[in-house]
Amino acid sequence: MPLRNLLAASALVLITAVPAFAQQSPVPSRSLTCAELQALVQRQGRVVISTAPYMFGTYANNCAPRDIPSPAYVPARDNPQCLIGYSCLSK
């Protein structure tokens, strides 16, 4: 009986952990306006955005205290250099 409980508990842990490993697919920057991209970063806090085929980056509205914020510009549908937030660089 204890082995069955251990297996059930292990399965439950694995099932609940799977969504944490799911990868967010990059948002194509040129598919949204500058205002839409800015709102997306503000709303989600951290977003993976594709700026060209096979090129993407992670952009944030706020960096961790240990990181160095660098203003991030991406091409949007209506603005070739849209300020959307920050790239957070490790110290």
N, C-alpha and C. Protein backbone atom coordinates (compact mmCIF):
# COMPACT_ATOMS: atom_id res chain seq x y z
N MET A 1 0.81 -1.20 0.00
CA MET A 1 0.00 0.00 0.00
C MET A 1 0.86 1.27 0.00
N PRO A 2 1.94 1.38 0.81
CA PRO A 2 2.75 2.59 0.79
C PRO A 2 3.36 2.87 -0.59
N LEU A 3 3.75 1.82 -1.32
CA LEU A 3 4.30 2.02 -2.66
C LEU A 3 3.26 2.62 -3.60
N ARG A 4 2.04 2.18 -3.49
CA ARG A 4 0.96 2.72 -4.32
C ARG A 4 0.74 4.20 -4.02
N ASN A 5 0.79 4.56 -2.75
CA ASN A 5 0.63 5.97 -2.36
C ASN A 5 1.80 6.81 -2.88
N LEU A 6 2.99 6.27 -2.81
CA LEU A 6 4.16 6.97 -3.32
C LEU A 6 4.07 7.20 -4.82
N LEU A 7 3.64 6.17 -5.55
CA LEU A 7 3.47 6.31 -7.00
C LEU A 7 2.39 7.32 -7.34
N ALA A 8 1.29 7.29 -6.62
CA ALA A 8 0.20 8.24 -6.87
C ALA A 8 0.67 9.67 -6.59
N ALA A 9 1.39 9.86 -5.50
CA ALA A 9 1.90 11.20 -5.17
C ALA A 9 2.91 11.67 -6.21
N SER A 10 3.77 10.78 -6.68
CA SER A 10 4.75 11.13 -7.71
C SER A 10 4.06 11.53 -9.00
N ALA A 11 3.04 10.78 -9.38
CA ALA A 11 2.30 11.10 -10.61
C ALA A 11 1.62 12.46 -10.49
N LEU A 12 1.07 12.76 -9.33
CA LEU A 12 0.42 14.04 -9.11
C LEU A 12 1.41 15.19 -9.22
N VAL A 13 2.59 15.02 -8.67
CA VAL A 13 3.63 16.05 -8.76
C VAL A 13 4.03 16.27 -10.21
N LEU A 14 4.21 15.22 -10.96
CA LEU A 14 4.60 15.34 -12.37
C LEU A 14 3.52 16.02 -13.19
N ILE A 15 2.28 15.67 -12.95
CA ILE A 15 1.17 16.27 -13.71
C ILE A 15 1.07 17.76 -13.45
N THR A 16 1.26 18.19 -12.21
CA THR A 16 1.15 19.61 -11.90
C THR A 16 2.39 20.39 -12.34
N ALA A 17 3.52 19.71 -12.53
CA ALA A 17 4.75 20.40 -12.94
C ALA A 17 4.85 20.59 -14.44
N VAL A 18 4.12 19.82 -15.23
CA VAL A 18 4.23 19.89 -16.69
C VAL A 18 3.96 21.28 -17.25
N PRO A 19 2.91 22.00 -16.82
CA PRO A 19 2.68 23.34 -17.38
C PRO A 19 3.84 24.30 -17.15
N ALA A 20 4.59 24.12 -16.08
CA ALA A 20 5.73 25.00 -15.81
C ALA A 20 6.82 24.85 -16.85
N PHE A 21 6.90 23.69 -17.48
CA PHE A 21 7.94 23.44 -18.47
C PHE A 21 7.50 23.83 -19.88
N ALA A 22 6.23 24.18 -20.06
CA ALA A 22 5.73 24.54 -21.39
C ALA A 22 6.42 25.81 -21.87
N GLN A 23 6.82 25.81 -23.12
CA GLN A 23 7.49 26.97 -23.69
C GLN A 23 6.47 27.89 -24.34
N GLN A 24 6.62 29.16 -24.11
CA GLN A 24 5.78 30.15 -24.74
C GLN A 24 6.31 30.36 -26.16
N SER A 25 5.43 30.33 -27.16
CA SER A 25 5.93 30.59 -28.51
C SER A 25 6.10 32.09 -28.69
N PRO A 26 7.16 32.50 -29.38
CA PRO A 26 7.45 33.92 -29.54
C PRO A 26 6.35 34.66 -30.30
N VAL A 27 6.07 35.87 -29.86
CA VAL A 27 5.11 36.75 -30.52
C VAL A 27 5.86 37.48 -31.62
N PRO A 28 5.40 37.40 -32.89
CA PRO A 28 6.08 38.15 -33.96
C PRO A 28 5.87 39.66 -33.76
N SER A 29 6.94 40.41 -33.63
CA SER A 29 6.83 41.84 -33.32
C SER A 29 6.11 42.63 -34.42
N ARG A 30 6.31 42.25 -35.66
CA ARG A 30 5.71 43.00 -36.76
C ARG A 30 4.21 42.72 -36.95
N SER A 31 3.67 41.80 -36.17
CA SER A 31 2.24 41.51 -36.28
C SER A 31 1.41 42.41 -35.38
N LEU A 32 2.07 43.16 -34.48
CA LEU A 32 1.37 44.03 -33.54
C LEU A 32 1.85 45.47 -33.68
N THR A 33 1.00 46.41 -33.27
CA THR A 33 1.41 47.81 -33.26
C THR A 33 2.32 48.04 -32.06
N CYS A 34 2.97 49.17 -32.04
CA CYS A 34 3.87 49.51 -30.94
C CYS A 34 3.09 49.54 -29.62
N ALA A 35 1.92 50.16 -29.63
CA ALA A 35 1.11 50.24 -28.40
C ALA A 35 0.68 48.86 -27.93
N GLU A 36 0.36 47.96 -28.86
CA GLU A 36 -0.03 46.60 -28.48
C GLU A 36 1.14 45.84 -27.87
N LEU A 37 2.33 46.01 -28.44
CA LEU A 37 3.52 45.36 -27.88
C LEU A 37 3.84 45.89 -26.48
N GLN A 38 3.75 47.20 -26.31
CA GLN A 38 4.02 47.80 -25.00
C GLN A 38 3.01 47.30 -23.96
N ALA A 39 1.75 47.23 -24.35
CA ALA A 39 0.71 46.74 -23.42
C ALA A 39 0.94 45.27 -23.07
N LEU A 40 1.37 44.48 -24.04
CA LEU A 40 1.63 43.06 -23.82
C LEU A 40 2.75 42.87 -22.79
N VAL A 41 3.82 43.62 -22.94
CA VAL A 41 4.95 43.52 -22.00
C VAL A 41 4.51 44.00 -20.62
N GLN A 42 3.76 45.09 -20.55
CA GLN A 42 3.29 45.59 -19.26
C GLN A 42 2.36 44.60 -18.58
N ARG A 43 1.47 43.99 -19.35
CA ARG A 43 0.48 43.06 -18.80
C ARG A 43 1.12 41.75 -18.33
N GLN A 44 2.01 41.19 -19.15
CA GLN A 44 2.59 39.89 -18.82
C GLN A 44 3.87 39.98 -18.00
N GLY A 45 4.53 41.11 -18.02
CA GLY A 45 5.75 41.29 -17.24
C GLY A 45 7.02 40.84 -17.95
N ARG A 46 6.94 39.72 -18.65
CA ARG A 46 8.10 39.16 -19.36
C ARG A 46 7.55 38.41 -20.57
N VAL A 47 8.03 38.77 -21.77
CA VAL A 47 7.48 38.20 -23.01
C VAL A 47 8.62 37.83 -23.96
N VAL A 48 8.45 36.71 -24.65
CA VAL A 48 9.38 36.31 -25.71
C VAL A 48 8.82 36.85 -27.02
N ILE A 49 9.61 37.68 -27.70
CA ILE A 49 9.17 38.32 -28.94
C ILE A 49 10.14 37.99 -30.06
N SER A 50 9.57 37.61 -31.20
CA SER A 50 10.36 37.31 -32.39
C SER A 50 10.49 38.58 -33.22
N THR A 51 11.73 38.94 -33.55
CA THR A 51 11.98 40.15 -34.34
C THR A 51 12.30 39.84 -35.80
N ALA A 52 12.61 38.60 -36.09
CA ALA A 52 12.91 38.13 -37.45
C ALA A 52 12.83 36.60 -37.40
N PRO A 53 12.77 35.95 -38.56
CA PRO A 53 12.74 34.49 -38.53
C PRO A 53 13.94 33.93 -37.74
N TYR A 54 13.66 33.07 -36.80
CA TYR A 54 14.67 32.41 -35.98
C TYR A 54 15.43 33.35 -35.05
N MET A 55 14.93 34.58 -34.86
CA MET A 55 15.55 35.53 -33.94
C MET A 55 14.50 36.00 -32.95
N PHE A 56 14.80 35.86 -31.67
CA PHE A 56 13.86 36.31 -30.67
C PHE A 56 14.60 36.70 -29.41
N GLY A 57 13.91 37.42 -28.57
CA GLY A 57 14.49 37.84 -27.30
C GLY A 57 13.42 37.89 -26.23
N THR A 58 13.86 37.98 -25.00
CA THR A 58 12.94 38.11 -23.88
C THR A 58 12.98 39.55 -23.41
N TYR A 59 11.80 40.14 -23.29
CA TYR A 59 11.68 41.55 -22.92
C TYR A 59 10.81 41.65 -21.68
N ALA A 60 11.15 42.59 -20.80
CA ALA A 60 10.46 42.70 -19.52
C ALA A 60 10.06 44.14 -19.23
N ASN A 61 9.06 44.28 -18.36
CA ASN A 61 8.68 45.61 -17.93
C ASN A 61 9.49 46.06 -16.71
N ASN A 62 10.17 45.11 -16.07
CA ASN A 62 10.99 45.41 -14.90
C ASN A 62 12.01 44.30 -14.74
N CYS A 63 13.24 44.65 -14.46
CA CYS A 63 14.29 43.65 -14.28
C CYS A 63 14.50 43.34 -12.80
N ALA A 64 15.06 42.20 -12.53
CA ALA A 64 15.40 41.83 -11.16
C ALA A 64 16.49 42.77 -10.65
N PRO A 65 16.55 43.00 -9.36
CA PRO A 65 17.56 43.92 -8.80
C PRO A 65 19.00 43.56 -9.18
N ARG A 66 19.27 42.28 -9.39
CA ARG A 66 20.64 41.86 -9.73
C ARG A 66 20.97 42.05 -11.20
N ASP A 67 19.97 42.42 -12.03
CA ASP A 67 20.17 42.60 -13.47
C ASP A 67 20.32 44.07 -13.83
N ILE A 68 20.89 44.30 -15.00
CA ILE A 68 21.05 45.65 -15.53
C ILE A 68 20.01 45.85 -16.63
N PRO A 69 19.06 46.80 -16.45
CA PRO A 69 18.06 47.03 -17.49
C PRO A 69 18.65 47.79 -18.67
N SER A 70 18.35 47.33 -19.86
CA SER A 70 18.78 48.01 -21.08
C SER A 70 17.53 48.25 -21.92
N PRO A 71 17.26 49.51 -22.31
CA PRO A 71 16.05 49.78 -23.10
C PRO A 71 16.00 48.88 -24.34
N ALA A 72 14.84 48.34 -24.61
CA ALA A 72 14.68 47.39 -25.72
C ALA A 72 13.77 47.99 -26.80
N TYR A 73 14.27 47.99 -28.02
CA TYR A 73 13.53 48.47 -29.17
C TYR A 73 13.35 47.30 -30.14
N VAL A 74 12.13 47.14 -30.65
CA VAL A 74 11.85 46.10 -31.64
C VAL A 74 11.03 46.72 -32.76
N PRO A 75 11.09 46.13 -33.96
CA PRO A 75 10.25 46.63 -35.05
C PRO A 75 8.79 46.20 -34.84
N ALA A 76 7.90 47.17 -34.87
CA ALA A 76 6.46 46.90 -34.75
C ALA A 76 5.81 47.13 -36.10
N ARG A 77 4.54 46.82 -36.19
CA ARG A 77 3.81 47.00 -37.45
C ARG A 77 3.78 48.47 -37.88
N ASP A 78 3.73 49.39 -36.91
CA ASP A 78 3.60 50.81 -37.22
C ASP A 78 4.83 51.65 -36.86
N ASN A 79 5.86 51.01 -36.30
CA ASN A 79 7.02 51.77 -35.84
C ASN A 79 8.26 50.87 -35.95
N PRO A 80 9.25 51.25 -36.76
CA PRO A 80 10.43 50.39 -36.92
C PRO A 80 11.32 50.31 -35.68
N GLN A 81 11.16 51.25 -34.74
CA GLN A 81 11.95 51.23 -33.50
C GLN A 81 11.05 51.54 -32.31
N CYS A 82 10.30 50.55 -31.90
CA CYS A 82 9.34 50.70 -30.81
C CYS A 82 10.00 50.33 -29.48
N LEU A 83 9.97 51.25 -28.52
CA LEU A 83 10.48 51.01 -27.17
C LEU A 83 9.42 50.19 -26.43
N ILE A 84 9.71 48.92 -26.14
CA ILE A 84 8.69 48.08 -25.51
C ILE A 84 8.96 47.75 -24.05
N GLY A 85 10.13 48.03 -23.58
CA GLY A 85 10.48 47.69 -22.20
C GLY A 85 11.98 47.55 -22.09
N TYR A 86 12.41 46.47 -21.44
CA TYR A 86 13.84 46.28 -21.16
C TYR A 86 14.32 44.88 -21.52
N SER A 87 15.56 44.80 -21.90
CA SER A 87 16.30 43.55 -21.92
C SER A 87 17.07 43.55 -20.61
N CYS A 88 16.99 42.47 -19.87
CA CYS A 88 17.65 42.41 -18.56
C CYS A 88 18.97 41.68 -18.70
N LEU A 89 20.05 42.38 -18.47
CA LEU A 89 21.39 41.83 -18.62
C LEU A 89 21.94 41.44 -17.26
N SER A 90 22.52 40.26 -17.17
CA SER A 90 23.09 39.79 -15.91
C SER A 90 24.35 40.58 -15.57
N LYS A 91 24.53 40.86 -14.30
CA LYS A 91 25.73 41.58 -13.86
C LYS A 91 26.91 40.67 -13.86
